[in-house]
Structures are given as structure tokens and as C-alpha cells.
Amino acid sequence: MISLQAIIGNKADLPASARQVPAADGAALAREFGVPFVETSAATGAGVDDAFTRVAREVVARAEAAPAGAWPPAGGGAGVRLAGSGGSGRTRPACCG
């Protein structure tokens, strides 16, 4: 199974003085854990596409870097085709049946 954690900071549309957690603290925590950090705003939609794209690309990279035999997992699945920049075009099992 390929999994990934990320830190997503919301309320990017608010001034720094109105935030519960400063962006610098979120970025520092993400560095500490070695995970992506993206700021988003539910109000404006800013950063949402970037957050999804960064996480999705990292999952694809991890799947392609998995040792032989580690992917696909036992049980198969309907499949997800990885293609595009950096994609191998290989078929992968679907994650959610």
C-alpha cells in the first residue's frame, strides 16, 4: 500500500495576525516530518489544486519507486493507469475497490 501524509494549512486568505498557527510553523513541522506543506483557503479555493496535485504526484512517485514485487499489492483491483510526466503508463490496482 502506498500512503502519504501532508500538512495542509487552511485559512490562507486570512491575515497572519488572525491565524491560529503561523505558516512558518506549519512549514517547519512539515520539514521535521519530511512531508509536503501547502497552504489553502476554503473560502477562495486558493492552493487546493496545488495541495491535491503535490500529494498525488508524490504517491505516484512512491508507487513507481516501490521495489519489484511490492506493487501491486496482493488482491489486485480494477486498476489505475499512471501516465503523464514521469509516469510509466503501467496499470496499478485501484485503491478503493
Protein backbone atom coordinates (compact mmCIF):
# COMPACT_ATOMS: atom_id res chain seq x y z
CA MET A 1 0.00 0.00 0.00
CA ILE A 2 1.26 3.46 -0.87
CA SER A 3 0.37 6.11 1.69
CA LEU A 4 1.39 9.69 2.22
CA GLN A 5 0.83 12.27 4.89
CA ALA A 6 0.87 16.00 4.30
CA ILE A 7 0.32 19.11 6.35
CA ILE A 8 -2.33 21.34 4.83
CA GLY A 9 -2.73 24.79 6.36
CA ASN A 10 -6.18 26.28 5.87
CA LYS A 11 -7.31 29.91 6.11
CA ALA A 12 -4.54 31.17 3.81
CA ASP A 13 -6.88 34.04 2.90
CA LEU A 14 -6.68 35.48 6.44
CA PRO A 15 -4.02 37.95 7.56
CA ALA A 16 -1.17 36.40 9.55
CA SER A 17 -2.42 38.09 12.74
CA ALA A 18 -5.77 36.25 12.51
CA ARG A 19 -4.35 32.73 12.06
CA GLN A 20 -4.22 30.13 14.83
CA VAL A 21 -0.93 28.68 13.50
CA PRO A 22 1.63 30.78 11.61
CA ALA A 23 2.52 29.48 8.14
CA ALA A 24 6.19 29.30 9.16
CA ASP A 25 5.28 26.88 11.99
CA GLY A 26 3.36 24.65 9.56
CA ALA A 27 6.27 24.63 7.12
CA ALA A 28 8.76 23.85 9.90
CA LEU A 29 6.64 20.94 11.14
CA ALA A 30 6.34 19.58 7.61
CA ARG A 31 10.14 19.72 7.23
CA GLU A 32 10.57 17.97 10.57
CA PHE A 33 8.29 15.12 9.47
CA GLY A 34 9.53 15.11 5.87
CA VAL A 35 6.09 15.71 4.40
CA PRO A 36 4.70 18.29 1.96
CA PHE A 37 3.24 21.53 3.30
CA VAL A 38 0.66 23.53 1.36
CA GLU A 39 -1.49 26.44 2.45
CA THR A 40 -5.07 26.53 1.23
CA SER A 41 -8.20 28.62 1.55
CA ALA A 42 -11.63 27.02 1.58
CA ALA A 43 -13.12 30.49 1.09
CA THR A 44 -11.25 31.33 -2.12
CA GLY A 45 -10.10 27.88 -3.26
CA ALA A 46 -6.51 29.06 -3.36
CA GLY A 47 -3.97 26.27 -3.01
CA VAL A 48 -6.50 23.42 -3.11
CA ASP A 49 -5.48 22.22 -6.58
CA ASP A 50 -1.81 22.57 -5.65
CA ALA A 51 -2.30 20.52 -2.48
CA PHE A 52 -4.05 17.71 -4.34
CA THR A 53 -1.54 17.72 -7.20
CA ARG A 54 1.51 17.64 -4.92
CA VAL A 55 0.15 14.75 -2.88
CA ALA A 56 -0.98 12.82 -5.97
CA ARG A 57 2.43 13.23 -7.67
CA GLU A 58 4.22 12.04 -4.55
CA VAL A 59 2.00 8.94 -4.32
CA VAL A 60 2.73 8.14 -7.99
CA ALA A 61 6.47 8.66 -7.45
CA ARG A 62 6.42 6.32 -4.45
CA ALA A 63 4.47 3.69 -6.38
CA GLU A 64 6.95 3.81 -9.25
CA ALA A 65 9.90 3.63 -6.86
CA ALA A 66 8.49 0.63 -4.96
CA PRO A 67 10.73 -2.45 -5.08
CA ALA A 68 9.84 -5.21 -7.52
CA GLY A 69 7.06 -7.35 -6.11
CA ALA A 70 5.90 -4.68 -3.63
CA TRP A 71 3.43 -3.24 -6.11
CA PRO A 72 0.72 -4.14 -6.93
CA PRO A 73 -0.39 -5.43 -3.54
CA ALA A 74 -1.94 -8.88 -3.20
CA GLY A 75 -5.58 -8.99 -4.18
CA GLY A 76 -5.30 -6.96 -7.36
CA GLY A 77 -8.02 -4.49 -8.18
CA ALA A 78 -9.71 -2.75 -11.04
CA GLY A 79 -6.61 -0.71 -11.80
CA VAL A 80 -5.45 2.84 -12.14
CA ARG A 81 -3.35 3.80 -15.13
CA LEU A 82 -0.41 6.07 -14.32
CA ALA A 83 0.61 8.26 -17.23
CA GLY A 84 1.84 11.74 -17.98
CA SER A 85 5.06 13.40 -16.99
CA GLY A 86 7.16 10.92 -15.10
CA GLY A 87 4.50 8.22 -15.38
CA SER A 88 5.42 4.85 -16.78
CA GLY A 89 1.99 4.09 -18.17
CA ARG A 90 1.85 0.93 -16.01
CA THR A 91 -1.51 -0.17 -14.64
CA ARG A 92 -1.93 -0.17 -10.87
CA PRO A 93 -4.76 -1.63 -8.79
CA ALA A 94 -7.45 0.78 -7.63
CA CYS A 95 -7.21 1.82 -4.02
CA CYS A 96 -10.82 1.83 -3.06
CA GLY A 97 -12.47 -1.09 -4.86
